[in-house]
PDB file of N, CA and C in Angstrom:
ATOM      1  N   MET A   1     117.811  92.035 137.762  1.00  0.00           N
ATOM      2  CA  MET A   1     116.829  92.218 136.314  1.00  0.00           C
ATOM      3  C   MET A   1     117.906  92.547 135.173  1.00  0.00           C
ATOM      4  N   HIS A   2     116.974  91.855 134.081  1.00  0.00           N
ATOM      5  CA  HIS A   2     118.038  91.977 132.858  1.00  0.00           C
ATOM      6  C   HIS A   2     117.017  92.786 131.817  1.00  0.00           C
ATOM      7  N   ASP A   3     117.635  93.386 130.948  1.00  0.00           N
ATOM      8  CA  ASP A   3     117.225  94.342 129.856  1.00  0.00           C
ATOM      9  C   ASP A   3     116.719  93.614 128.793  1.00  0.00           C
ATOM     10  N   MET A   4     115.013  93.965 129.025  1.00  0.00           N
ATOM     11  CA  MET A   4     114.238  93.311 127.723  1.00  0.00           C
ATOM     12  C   MET A   4     114.568  94.113 126.301  1.00  0.00           C
ATOM     13  N   SER A   5     115.357  94.835 125.900  1.00  0.00           N
ATOM     14  CA  SER A   5     115.437  95.247 124.737  1.00  0.00           C
ATOM     15  C   SER A   5     116.163  94.732 124.077  1.00  0.00           C
ATOM     16  N   GLU A   6     117.459  93.397 124.665  1.00  0.00           N
ATOM     17  CA  GLU A   6     118.025  92.666 123.498  1.00  0.00           C
ATOM     18  C   GLU A   6     116.965  91.743 122.638  1.00  0.00           C
ATOM     19  N   PRO A   7     116.142  91.078 123.786  1.00  0.00           N
ATOM     20  CA  PRO A   7     114.814  90.562 122.211  1.00  0.00           C
ATOM     21  C   PRO A   7     114.479  91.622 121.390  1.00  0.00           C
ATOM     22  N   THR A   8     113.326  92.539 122.209  1.00  0.00           N
ATOM     23  CA  THR A   8     112.729  93.603 120.720  1.00  0.00           C
ATOM     24  C   THR A   8     113.956  93.917 120.134  1.00  0.00           C
ATOM     25  N   ARG A   9     114.996  94.575 120.194  1.00  0.00           N
ATOM     26  CA  ARG A   9     116.023  94.685 119.249  1.00  0.00           C
ATOM     27  C   ARG A   9     116.020  93.456 118.422  1.00  0.00           C
ATOM     28  N   LEU A  10     116.270  92.688 118.582  1.00  0.00           N
ATOM     29  CA  LEU A  10     116.580  90.637 117.960  1.00  0.00           C
ATOM     30  C   LEU A  10     115.286  90.562 116.969  1.00  0.00           C
ATOM     31  N   CYS A  11     113.976  90.784 117.381  1.00  0.00           N
ATOM     32  CA  CYS A  11     113.120  90.937 116.902  1.00  0.00           C
ATOM     33  C   CYS A  11     112.882  91.683 115.514  1.00  0.00           C
ATOM     34  N   SER A  12     113.113  93.425 115.876  1.00  0.00           N
ATOM     35  CA  SER A  12     113.490  94.341 114.889  1.00  0.00           C
ATOM     36  C   SER A  12     113.977  94.183 114.148  1.00  0.00           C
ATOM     37  N   GLU A  13     115.460  93.613 114.333  1.00  0.00           N
ATOM     38  CA  GLU A  13     116.011  92.758 113.299  1.00  0.00           C
ATOM     39  C   GLU A  13     115.464  92.188 112.289  1.00  0.00           C
ATOM     40  N   PHE A  14     115.449  90.862 113.137  1.00  0.00           N
ATOM     41  CA  PHE A  14     114.937  89.918 112.061  1.00  0.00           C
ATOM     42  C   PHE A  14     113.633  90.036 111.249  1.00  0.00           C
ATOM     43  N   GLU A  15     112.829  91.108 111.669  1.00  0.00           N
ATOM     44  CA  GLU A  15     112.033  91.565 110.966  1.00  0.00           C
ATOM     45  C   GLU A  15     112.441  92.260 109.502  1.00  0.00           C
ATOM     46  N   GLN A  16     113.224  93.146 109.823  1.00  0.00           N
ATOM     47  CA  GLN A  16     113.950  94.010 108.967  1.00  0.00           C
ATOM     48  C   GLN A  16     114.582  93.066 107.925  1.00  0.00           C
ATOM     49  N   ASN A  17     115.207  92.217 108.518  1.00  0.00           N
ATOM     50  CA  ASN A  17     115.956  91.271 107.590  1.00  0.00           C
ATOM     51  C   ASN A  17     115.151  90.492 106.482  1.00  0.00           C
ATOM     52  N   CYS A  18     113.699  90.411 107.103  1.00  0.00           N
ATOM     53  CA  CYS A  18     112.421  89.327 106.132  1.00  0.00           C
ATOM     54  C   CYS A  18     112.253  90.175 105.055  1.00  0.00           C
ATOM     55  N   LEU A  19     112.238  91.748 105.943  1.00  0.00           N
ATOM     56  CA  LEU A  19     111.530  92.618 104.632  1.00  0.00           C
ATOM     57  C   LEU A  19     112.548  92.514 103.710  1.00  0.00           C
ATOM     58  N   THR A  20     114.000  92.628 104.216  1.00  0.00           N
ATOM     59  CA  THR A  20     114.791  93.160 102.802  1.00  0.00           C
ATOM     60  C   THR A  20     114.982  91.865 102.015  1.00  0.00           C
ATOM     61  N   VAL A  21     114.872  90.459 102.592  1.00  0.00           N
ATOM     62  CA  VAL A  21     114.464  89.598 101.581  1.00  0.00           C
ATOM     63  C   VAL A  21     113.468  89.343 100.679  1.00  0.00           C
ATOM     64  N   LEU A  22     112.199  90.432 101.148  1.00  0.00           N
ATOM     65  CA  LEU A  22     110.955  90.356 100.509  1.00  0.00           C
ATOM     66  C   LEU A  22     110.854  91.173  99.363  1.00  0.00           C
ATOM     67  N   ASN A  23     111.877  92.018  99.880  1.00  0.00           N
ATOM     68  CA  ASN A  23     111.949  93.757  98.507  1.00  0.00           C
ATOM     69  C   ASN A  23     112.918  92.780  97.510  1.00  0.00           C
ATOM     70  N   CYS A  24     113.742  91.846  98.169  1.00  0.00           N
ATOM     71  CA  CYS A  24     114.744  91.291  96.765  1.00  0.00           C
ATOM     72  C   CYS A  24     114.102  90.797  96.142  1.00  0.00           C
ATOM     73  N   TYR A  25     113.183  89.949  96.451  1.00  0.00           N
ATOM     74  CA  TYR A  25     112.310  88.878  95.491  1.00  0.00           C
ATOM     75  C   TYR A  25     111.688  90.214  94.808  1.00  0.00           C
ATOM     76  N   ALA A  26     110.849  91.010  95.508  1.00  0.00           N
ATOM     77  CA  ALA A  26     109.882  91.813  94.635  1.00  0.00           C
ATOM     78  C   ALA A  26     110.610  92.777  93.539  1.00  0.00           C
ATOM     79  N   VAL A  27     112.074  93.305  93.835  1.00  0.00           N
ATOM     80  CA  VAL A  27     112.607  93.735  92.612  1.00  0.00           C
ATOM     81  C   VAL A  27     113.154  92.829  91.469  1.00  0.00           C
ATOM     82  N   ARG A  28     113.546  91.685  91.870  1.00  0.00           N
ATOM     83  CA  ARG A  28     113.884  90.976  90.814  1.00  0.00           C
ATOM     84  C   ARG A  28     112.698  90.387  90.360  1.00  0.00           C
ATOM     85  N   ASP A  29     111.966  90.353  90.616  1.00  0.00           N
ATOM     86  CA  ASP A  29     110.486  90.098  89.778  1.00  0.00           C
ATOM     87  C   ASP A  29     110.298  91.219  88.733  1.00  0.00           C
ATOM     88  N   ALA A  30     110.095  92.472  89.472  1.00  0.00           N
ATOM     89  CA  ALA A  30     109.671  93.338  88.332  1.00  0.00           C
ATOM     90  C   ALA A  30     110.790  93.712  87.184  1.00  0.00           C
ATOM     91  N   ALA A  31     112.484  93.247  87.605  1.00  0.00           N
ATOM     92  CA  ALA A  31     113.307  92.942  86.875  1.00  0.00           C
ATOM     93  C   ALA A  31     112.781  91.882  85.846  1.00  0.00           C
ATOM     94  N   CYS A  32     112.665  90.527  85.979  1.00  0.00           N
ATOM     95  CA  CYS A  32     112.344  89.989  85.315  1.00  0.00           C
ATOM     96  C   CYS A  32     110.975  90.052  84.641  1.00  0.00           C
ATOM     97  N   LYS A  33     110.163  90.871  84.739  1.00  0.00           N
ATOM     98  CA  LYS A  33     108.922  90.740  84.027  1.00  0.00           C
ATOM     99  C   LYS A  33     109.122  91.756  83.245  1.00  0.00           C
ATOM    100  N   ALA A  34     109.828  92.615  83.518  1.00  0.00           N
ATOM    101  CA  ALA A  34     110.292  93.806  82.348  1.00  0.00           C
ATOM    102  C   ALA A  34     110.980  93.575  81.201  1.00  0.00           C
ATOM    103  N   THR A  35     112.091  92.303  81.016  1.00  0.00           N
ATOM    104  CA  THR A  35     113.630  91.911  80.766  1.00  0.00           C
ATOM    105  C   THR A  35     113.200  90.707  80.015  1.00  0.00           C
ATOM    106  N   LEU A  36     112.009  89.762  80.203  1.00  0.00           N
ATOM    107  CA  LEU A  36     112.049  88.339  80.236  1.00  0.00           C
ATOM    108  C   LEU A  36     110.408  88.528  79.677  1.00  0.00           C
ATOM    109  N   ASN A  37     110.231  87.979  78.141  1.00  0.00           N
ATOM    110  CA  ASN A  37     109.292  87.322  77.358  1.00  0.00           C
ATOM    111  C   ASN A  37     108.437  86.346  77.773  1.00  0.00           C
ATOM    112  N   ASP A  38     109.349  85.063  78.428  1.00  0.00           N
ATOM    113  CA  ASP A  38     108.933  83.656  78.809  1.00  0.00           C
ATOM    114  C   ASP A  38     108.617  84.019  80.146  1.00  0.00           C
ATOM    115  N   TYR A  39     108.613  85.116  80.842  1.00  0.00           N
ATOM    116  CA  TYR A  39     108.607  85.108  82.455  1.00  0.00           C
ATOM    117  C   TYR A  39     107.697  84.371  82.947  1.00  0.00           C
ATOM    118  N   ALA A  40     107.682  83.278  83.750  1.00  0.00           N
ATOM    119  CA  ALA A  40     106.376  82.830  84.235  1.00  0.00           C
ATOM    120  C   ALA A  40     106.202  83.241  85.913  1.00  0.00           C
ATOM    121  N   GLY A  41     106.970  83.848  86.578  1.00  0.00           N
ATOM    122  CA  GLY A  41     106.666  84.466  87.750  1.00  0.00           C
ATOM    123  C   GLY A  41     107.582  83.371  88.592  1.00  0.00           C
ATOM    124  N   TRP A  42     108.279  82.812  88.673  1.00  0.00           N
ATOM    125  CA  TRP A  42     108.990  82.293  89.407  1.00  0.00           C
ATOM    126  C   TRP A  42     110.529  82.718  89.674  1.00  0.00           C
ATOM    127  N   LEU A  43     110.961  82.480  90.910  1.00  0.00           N
ATOM    128  CA  LEU A  43     112.354  83.280  90.607  1.00  0.00           C
ATOM    129  C   LEU A  43     113.192  81.971  91.533  1.00  0.00           C
ATOM    130  N   ASP A  44     114.487  81.998  91.365  1.00  0.00           N
ATOM    131  CA  ASP A  44     115.503  81.445  91.833  1.00  0.00           C
ATOM    132  C   ASP A  44     115.592  81.441  93.086  1.00  0.00           C
ATOM    133  N   ARG A  45     115.813  80.734  94.000  1.00  0.00           N
ATOM    134  CA  ARG A  45     116.247  80.719  95.759  1.00  0.00           C
ATOM    135  C   ARG A  45     117.198  82.367  95.692  1.00  0.00           C
ATOM    136  N   ILE A  46     117.053  83.122  96.513  1.00  0.00           N
ATOM    137  CA  ILE A  46     118.083  84.599  96.832  1.00  0.00           C
ATOM    138  C   ILE A  46     118.635  83.675  97.650  1.00  0.00           C
ATOM    139  N   GLN A  47     120.272  83.859  97.470  1.00  0.00           N
ATOM    140  CA  GLN A  47     121.014  83.156  98.301  1.00  0.00           C
ATOM    141  C   GLN A  47     122.418  84.111  99.230  1.00  0.00           C
ATOM    142  N   ASP A  48     122.277  85.385  98.185  1.00  0.00           N
ATOM    143  CA  ASP A  48     123.066  86.260  99.137  1.00  0.00           C
ATOM    144  C   ASP A  48     122.222  87.691  99.262  1.00  0.00           C
ATOM    145  N   VAL A  49     122.194  87.915 100.492  1.00  0.00           N
ATOM    146  CA  VAL A  49     121.752  89.662 100.978  1.00  0.00           C
ATOM    147  C   VAL A  49     122.943  90.363 101.762  1.00  0.00           C
ATOM    148  N   PRO A  50     123.252  91.601 100.757  1.00  0.00           N
ATOM    149  CA  PRO A  50     124.227  92.638 101.442  1.00  0.00           C
ATOM    150  C   PRO A  50     123.972  92.401 103.303  1.00  0.00           C
ATOM    151  N   GLY A  51     124.573  92.644 103.960  1.00  0.00           N
ATOM    152  CA  GLY A  51     124.181  92.900 105.240  1.00  0.00           C
ATOM    153  C   GLY A  51     123.362  91.763 106.173  1.00  0.00           C
ATOM    154  N   ILE A  52     123.240  90.603 105.480  1.00  0.00           N
ATOM    155  CA  ILE A  52     122.264  89.625 106.377  1.00  0.00           C
ATOM    156  C   ILE A  52     123.534  88.287 105.856  1.00  0.00           C
ATOM    157  N   GLU A  53     123.301  87.887 107.289  1.00  0.00           N
ATOM    158  CA  GLU A  53     124.527  85.958 107.246  1.00  0.00           C
ATOM    159  C   GLU A  53     123.622  85.051 106.315  1.00  0.00           C
ATOM    160  N   LYS A  54     124.833  84.918 105.824  1.00  0.00           N
ATOM    161  CA  LYS A  54     124.060  83.396 104.726  1.00  0.00           C
ATOM    162  C   LYS A  54     123.237  82.206 105.466  1.00  0.00           C
ATOM    163  N   ASN A  55     123.629  81.991 106.523  1.00  0.00           N
ATOM    164  CA  ASN A  55     123.176  81.072 107.623  1.00  0.00           C
ATOM    165  C   ASN A  55     121.572  81.633 108.241  1.00  0.00           C
ATOM    166  N   SER A  56     121.442  82.758 108.168  1.00  0.00           N
ATOM    167  CA  SER A  56     119.919  83.138 108.800  1.00  0.00           C
ATOM    168  C   SER A  56     118.801  83.381 107.291  1.00  0.00           C
ATOM    169  N   LEU A  57     119.319  82.959 106.212  1.00  0.00           N
ATOM    170  CA  LEU A  57     118.530  83.218 105.021  1.00  0.00           C
ATOM    171  C   LEU A  57     117.455  82.123 105.435  1.00  0.00           C
ATOM    172  N   THR A  58     118.155  80.765 105.737  1.00  0.00           N
ATOM    173  CA  THR A  58     117.408  79.935 105.595  1.00  0.00           C
ATOM    174  C   THR A  58     116.471  80.170 106.799  1.00  0.00           C
ATOM    175  N   SER A  59     116.594  80.430 107.868  1.00  0.00           N
ATOM    176  CA  SER A  59     115.278  80.639 108.907  1.00  0.00           C
ATOM    177  C   SER A  59     114.165  82.109 108.761  1.00  0.00           C
ATOM    178  N   ILE A  60     114.739  82.855 107.534  1.00  0.00           N
ATOM    179  CA  ILE A  60     114.455  83.752 107.212  1.00  0.00           C
ATOM    180  C   ILE A  60     113.138  83.420 105.976  1.00  0.00           C
ATOM    181  N   HIS A  61     113.636  82.334 105.124  1.00  0.00           N
ATOM    182  CA  HIS A  61     113.050  81.731 103.879  1.00  0.00           C
ATOM    183  C   HIS A  61     111.505  81.177 104.821  1.00  0.00           C
ATOM    184  N   GLY A  62     111.867  80.131 106.026  1.00  0.00           N
ATOM    185  CA  GLY A  62     110.882  79.778 106.215  1.00  0.00           C
ATOM    186  C   GLY A  62     109.988  80.254 107.167  1.00  0.00           C
ATOM    187  N   PHE A  63     110.447  81.552 107.513  1.00  0.00           N
ATOM    188  CA  PHE A  63     109.289  81.833 108.056  1.00  0.00           C
ATOM    189  C   PHE A  63     108.690  82.901 107.179  1.00  0.00           C
ATOM    190  N   LEU A  64     108.794  83.565 105.713  1.00  0.00           N
ATOM    191  CA  LEU A  64     108.200  84.190 104.940  1.00  0.00           C
ATOM    192  C   LEU A  64     107.245  83.096 104.036  1.00  0.00           C
ATOM    193  N   ILE A  65     107.926  82.066 104.432  1.00  0.00           N
ATOM    194  CA  ILE A  65     106.517  80.932 103.971  1.00  0.00           C
ATOM    195  C   ILE A  65     105.890  80.447 105.001  1.00  0.00           C
ATOM    196  N   ALA A  66     106.423  80.395 106.233  1.00  0.00           N
ATOM    197  CA  ALA A  66     105.257  79.989 106.843  1.00  0.00           C
ATOM    198  C   ALA A  66     103.882  81.367 107.075  1.00  0.00           C
ATOM    199  N   GLN A  67     104.570  82.263 106.947  1.00  0.00           N
ATOM    200  CA  GLN A  67     103.661  83.464 107.268  1.00  0.00           C
ATOM    201  C   GLN A  67     102.774  83.717 105.554  1.00  0.00           C
ATOM    202  N   GLY A  68     103.070  82.849 104.850  1.00  0.00           N
ATOM    203  CA  GLY A  68     102.432  83.039 103.583  1.00  0.00           C
ATOM    204  C   GLY A  68     102.497  84.227 102.565  1.00  0.00           C
ATOM    205  N   LEU A  69     103.661  84.616 103.211  1.00  0.00           N
ATOM    206  CA  LEU A  69     104.399  85.987 102.151  1.00  0.00           C
ATOM    207  C   LEU A  69     105.211  85.671 100.849  1.00  0.00           C
ATOM    208  N   ILE A  70     105.859  84.516 101.150  1.00  0.00           N
ATOM    209  CA  ILE A  70     106.562  83.714  99.851  1.00  0.00           C
ATOM    210  C   ILE A  70     105.633  82.803  99.572  1.00  0.00           C
ATOM    211  N   ARG A  71     105.469  82.139  98.211  1.00  0.00           N
ATOM    212  CA  ARG A  71     105.206  81.046  97.686  1.00  0.00           C
ATOM    213  C   ARG A  71     106.372  80.264  96.994  1.00  0.00           C
ATOM    214  N   PHE A  72     106.333  79.100  97.289  1.00  0.00           N
ATOM    215  CA  PHE A  72     107.431  78.410  96.590  1.00  0.00           C
ATOM    216  C   PHE A  72     106.927  76.946  95.801  1.00  0.00           C
ATOM    217  N   GLU A  73     107.408  76.475  94.742  1.00  0.00           N
ATOM    218  CA  GLU A  73     107.270  75.434  93.950  1.00  0.00           C
ATOM    219  C   GLU A  73     108.207  74.705  93.591  1.00  0.00           C
ATOM    220  N   PHE A  74     108.447  73.409  93.401  1.00  0.00           N
ATOM    221  CA  PHE A  74     109.445  72.685  92.942  1.00  0.00           C
ATOM    222  C   PHE A  74     109.542  72.103  91.075  1.00  0.00           C
ATOM    223  N   ASN A  75     110.045  72.872  90.580  1.00  0.00           N
ATOM    224  CA  ASN A  75     110.530  72.927  88.995  1.00  0.00           C
ATOM    225  C   ASN A  75     111.224  72.087  88.219  1.00  0.00           C
ATOM    226  N   GLY A  76     111.205  70.960  89.210  1.00  0.00           N
ATOM    227  CA  GLY A  76     111.868  69.890  88.606  1.00  0.00           C
ATOM    228  C   GLY A  76     113.408  69.789  88.912  1.00  0.00           C
ATOM    229  N   ARG A  77     114.347  68.787  88.651  1.00  0.00           N
ATOM    230  CA  ARG A  77     115.553  68.406  89.203  1.00  0.00           C
ATOM    231  C   ARG A  77     116.534  69.239  89.155  1.00  0.00           C
ATOM    232  N   SER A  78     116.611  69.681  87.496  1.00  0.00           N
ATOM    233  CA  SER A  78     117.259  70.535  86.877  1.00  0.00           C
ATOM    234  C   SER A  78     117.261  72.075  87.678  1.00  0.00           C
ATOM    235  N   VAL A  79     115.634  72.532  87.880  1.00  0.00           N
ATOM    236  CA  VAL A  79     115.882  74.025  88.376  1.00  0.00           C
ATOM    237  C   VAL A  79     115.265  73.861  89.655  1.00  0.00           C
ATOM    238  N   GLY A  80     114.947  72.887  90.382  1.00  0.00           N
ATOM    239  CA  GLY A  80     114.809  72.823  92.092  1.00  0.00           C
ATOM    240  C   GLY A  80     113.443  73.982  92.638  1.00  0.00           C
ATOM    241  N   LEU A  81     113.441  73.940  93.757  1.00  0.00           N
ATOM    242  CA  LEU A  81     112.940  75.004  94.301  1.00  0.00           C
ATOM    243  C   LEU A  81     112.652  76.768  93.901  1.00  0.00           C
ATOM    244  N   GLN A  82     111.859  77.124  93.345  1.00  0.00           N
ATOM    245  CA  GLN A  82     111.181  78.381  93.074  1.00  0.00           C
ATOM    246  C   GLN A  82     110.509  79.062  93.879  1.00  0.00           C
ATOM    247  N   TYR A  83     110.709  80.468  93.738  1.00  0.00           N
ATOM    248  CA  TYR A  83     109.979  81.403  94.908  1.00  0.00           C
ATOM    249  C   TYR A  83     109.351  82.697  93.963  1.00  0.00           C
ATOM    250  N   GLN A  84     108.112  82.871  95.082  1.00  0.00           N
ATOM    251  CA  GLN A  84     107.573  84.491  94.457  1.00  0.00           C
ATOM    252  C   GLN A  84     106.884  84.811  95.307  1.00  0.00           C
ATOM    253  N   VAL A  85     106.656  85.946  96.026  1.00  0.00           N
ATOM    254  CA  VAL A  85     106.059  86.741  96.572  1.00  0.00           C
ATOM    255  C   VAL A  85     104.499  86.978  96.525  1.00  0.00           C
ATOM    256  N   SER A  86     104.028  86.675  97.525  1.00  0.00           N
ATOM    257  CA  SER A  86     102.243  86.354  97.199  1.00  0.00           C
ATOM    258  C   SER A  86     101.680  87.468  97.475  1.00  0.00           C
ATOM    259  N   PRO A  87     100.470  87.791  97.320  1.00  0.00           N
ATOM    260  CA  PRO A  87      99.891  88.697  97.257  1.00  0.00           C
ATOM    261  C   PRO A  87      99.751  89.617  98.893  1.00  0.00           C
ATOM    262  N   GLN A  88      99.819  88.566 100.124  1.00  0.00           N
ATOM    263  CA  GLN A  88     100.260  89.297 100.961  1.00  0.00           C
ATOM    264  C   GLN A  88     101.583  89.893 101.820  1.00  0.00           C
ATOM    265  N   GLY A  89     102.446  89.534 100.843  1.00  0.00           N
ATOM    266  CA  GLY A  89     103.928  89.510 100.615  1.00  0.00           C
ATOM    267  C   GLY A  89     103.835  91.035 100.094  1.00  0.00           C
ATOM    268  N   ARG A  90     103.262  91.279  99.127  1.00  0.00           N
ATOM    269  CA  ARG A  90     103.264  92.500  98.581  1.00  0.00           C
ATOM    270  C   ARG A  90     102.616  93.560  99.044  1.00  0.00           C
ATOM    271  N   GLU A  91     101.283  92.917  99.801  1.00  0.00           N
ATOM    272  CA  GLU A  91     101.270  93.868 101.110  1.00  0.00           C
ATOM    273  C   GLU A  91     102.094  94.261 102.410  1.00  0.00           C
ATOM    274  N   SER A  92     102.545  93.281 103.112  1.00  0.00           N
ATOM    275  CA  SER A  92     103.535  93.352 103.761  1.00  0.00           C
ATOM    276  C   SER A  92     104.663  94.475 103.476  1.00  0.00           C
ATOM    277  N   ILE A  93     105.272  94.129 102.272  1.00  0.00           N
ATOM    278  CA  ILE A  93     105.847  95.379 101.643  1.00  0.00           C
ATOM    279  C   ILE A  93     105.614  96.363 101.574  1.00  0.00           C
ATOM    280  N   ALA A  94     104.414  96.642 101.363  1.00  0.00           N
ATOM    281  CA  ALA A  94     104.063  98.207 101.298  1.00  0.00           C
ATOM    282  C   ALA A  94     103.396  98.746 102.830  1.00  0.00           C
ATOM    283  N   ARG A  95     103.374  97.745 103.379  1.00  0.00           N
ATOM    284  CA  ARG A  95     102.950  98.626 104.928  1.00  0.00           C
ATOM    285  C   ARG A  95     104.625  98.148 105.899  1.00  0.00           C
ATOM    286  N   ASP A  96     105.314  97.955 105.146  1.00  0.00           N
ATOM    287  CA  ASP A  96     106.877  97.916 105.589  1.00  0.00           C
ATOM    288  C   ASP A  96     106.418  96.979 106.944  1.00  0.00           C
ATOM    289  N   SER A  97     106.076  95.875 107.175  1.00  0.00           N
ATOM    290  CA  SER A  97     106.103  95.113 108.329  1.00  0.00           C
ATOM    291  C   SER A  97     105.578  93.797 107.814  1.00  0.00           C
ATOM    292  N   VAL A  98     106.357  92.890 108.641  1.00  0.00           N
ATOM    293  CA  VAL A  98     105.887  91.325 108.205  1.00  0.00           C
ATOM    294  C   VAL A  98     105.526  90.280 109.677  1.00  0.00           C
ATOM    295  N   SER A  99     104.838  91.525 110.384  1.00  0.00           N
ATOM    296  CA  SER A  99     104.216  91.443 111.904  1.00  0.00           C
ATOM    297  C   SER A  99     104.858  90.054 112.406  1.00  0.00           C
ATOM    298  N   VAL A 100     106.071  90.183 113.059  1.00  0.00           N
ATOM    299  CA  VAL A 100     106.835  88.839 113.730  1.00  0.00           C
ATOM    300  C   VAL A 100     106.105  88.582 115.225  1.00  0.00           C
ATOM    301  N   SER A 101     104.923  89.168 115.238  1.00  0.00           N
ATOM    302  CA  SER A 101     104.643  88.946 116.696  1.00  0.00           C
ATOM    303  C   SER A 101     104.521  87.775 117.184  1.00  0.00           C
ATOM    304  N   ASP A 102     104.145  86.733 116.110  1.00  0.00           N
ATOM    305  CA  ASP A 102     103.670  84.982 116.497  1.00  0.00           C
ATOM    306  C   ASP A 102     105.128  84.713 116.592  1.00  0.00           C
ATOM    307  N   ASP A 103     106.807  85.224 115.990  1.00  0.00           N
ATOM    308  CA  ASP A 103     107.711  84.537 116.003  1.00  0.00           C
ATOM    309  C   ASP A 103     107.817  84.127 117.480  1.00  0.00           C
ATOM    310  N   PRO A 104     108.468  82.787 117.663  1.00  0.00           N
ATOM    311  CA  PRO A 104     108.613  82.820 118.825  1.00  0.00           C
ATOM    312  C   PRO A 104     110.076  83.165 119.432  1.00  0.00           C
ATOM    313  N   ARG A 105     110.801  83.576 118.448  1.00  0.00           N
ATOM    314  CA  ARG A 105     112.069  84.149 119.267  1.00  0.00           C
ATOM    315  C   ARG A 105     111.325  85.681 120.114  1.00  0.00           C
ATOM    316  N   CYS A 106     110.236  85.950 119.905  1.00  0.00           N
ATOM    317  CA  CYS A 106     110.033  87.343 119.721  1.00  0.00           C
ATOM    318  C   CYS A 106     108.739  87.146 120.857  1.00  0.00           C
ATOM    319  N   GLU A 107     108.568  86.163 121.475  1.00  0.00           N
ATOM    320  CA  GLU A 107     107.777  85.937 122.245  1.00  0.00           C
ATOM    321  C   GLU A 107     107.581  86.787 123.641  1.00  0.00           C
ATOM    322  N   LEU A 108     108.292  87.824 124.184  1.00  0.00           N
ATOM    323  CA  LEU A 108     108.484  88.251 125.418  1.00  0.00           C
ATOM    324  C   LEU A 108     108.596  89.824 124.719  1.00  0.00           C
ATOM    325  N   SER A 109     107.772  90.650 124.839  1.00  0.00           N
ATOM    326  CA  SER A 109     108.190  91.708 124.702  1.00  0.00           C
ATOM    327  C   SER A 109     108.433  92.688 126.181  1.00  0.00           C
ATOM    328  N   VAL A 110     108.713  93.820 125.676  1.00  0.00           N
ATOM    329  CA  VAL A 110     108.574  94.434 127.364  1.00  0.00           C
ATOM    330  C   VAL A 110     106.864  94.827 128.024  1.00  0.00           C
ATOM    331  N   ALA A 111     106.140  94.832 127.048  1.00  0.00           N
ATOM    332  CA  ALA A 111     105.015  95.047 127.776  1.00  0.00           C
ATOM    333  C   ALA A 111     104.165  93.956 128.125  1.00  0.00           C
ATOM    334  N   ASP A 112     104.698  92.608 127.573  1.00  0.00           N
ATOM    335  CA  ASP A 112     104.338  91.594 128.352  1.00  0.00           C
ATOM    336  C   ASP A 112     104.956  91.101 129.046  1.00  0.00           C
ATOM    337  N   SER A 113     106.237  91.444 129.477  1.00  0.00           N
ATOM    338  CA  SER A 113     106.900  91.019 131.059  1.00  0.00           C
ATOM    339  C   SER A 113     106.397  91.928 131.726  1.00  0.00           C
ATOM    340  N   GLU A 114     105.773  93.149 132.170  1.00  0.00           N
ATOM    341  CA  GLU A 114     105.547  94.440 132.488  1.00  0.00           C
ATOM    342  C   GLU A 114     103.918  93.576 133.302  1.00  0.00           C
ATOM    343  N   SER A 115     103.287  92.989 131.944  1.00  0.00           N
ATOM    344  CA  SER A 115     101.634  93.030 132.440  1.00  0.00           C
ATOM    345  C   SER A 115     102.223  91.595 133.408  1.00  0.00           C
ATOM    346  N   VAL A 116     103.369  90.352 133.296  1.00  0.00           N
ATOM    347  CA  VAL A 116     103.426  89.792 133.479  1.00  0.00           C
ATOM    348  C   VAL A 116     103.383  89.683 135.348  1.00  0.00           C
ATOM    349  N   SER A 117     104.595  90.692 135.344  1.00  0.00           N
ATOM    350  CA  SER A 117     105.309  91.022 136.488  1.00  0.00           C
ATOM    351  C   SER A 117     104.235  92.051 137.439  1.00  0.00           C
ATOM    352  N   HIS A 118     103.207  92.705 136.957  1.00  0.00           N
ATOM    353  CA  HIS A 118     102.013  93.001 137.386  1.00  0.00           C
ATOM    354  C   HIS A 118     100.496  91.929 138.522  1.00  0.00           C
ATOM    355  N   ALA A 119     101.127  91.138 137.337  1.00  0.00           N
ATOM    356  CA  ALA A 119      99.499  90.057 137.876  1.00  0.00           C
ATOM    357  C   ALA A 119     100.482  88.933 138.643  1.00  0.00           C
ATOM    358  N   ALA A 120     101.662  89.097 138.437  1.00  0.00           N
ATOM    359  CA  ALA A 120     102.300  88.130 139.880  1.00  0.00           C
ATOM    360  C   ALA A 120     102.440  88.440 141.376  1.00  0.00           C
TER     361      ALA A 120
END
């Protein structure tokens, strides 16, 4: 019998990392709104977040885009992709949850494994 807390812990860590990146965009957005007169609402991609491995930022961005929590647009070759927090992303920040239950890395929770074993 193996411990099911590891996938749950990883999902919780992934969700927390997604929230951290989402919050970074929200903070950057607020700072730009406050300081730039010509701010159009689009931000350069966050490349570095303390405590999050750089190689996991790609999957975090993909998840946030797939869930509709951030939007992106291509602003030409000189600028490239830019991002903004969507209204759903702002709601996720407010409730402190990105709801990763549909994430394939989080398919089997402890409750799911117990119901499967009872059904067998």
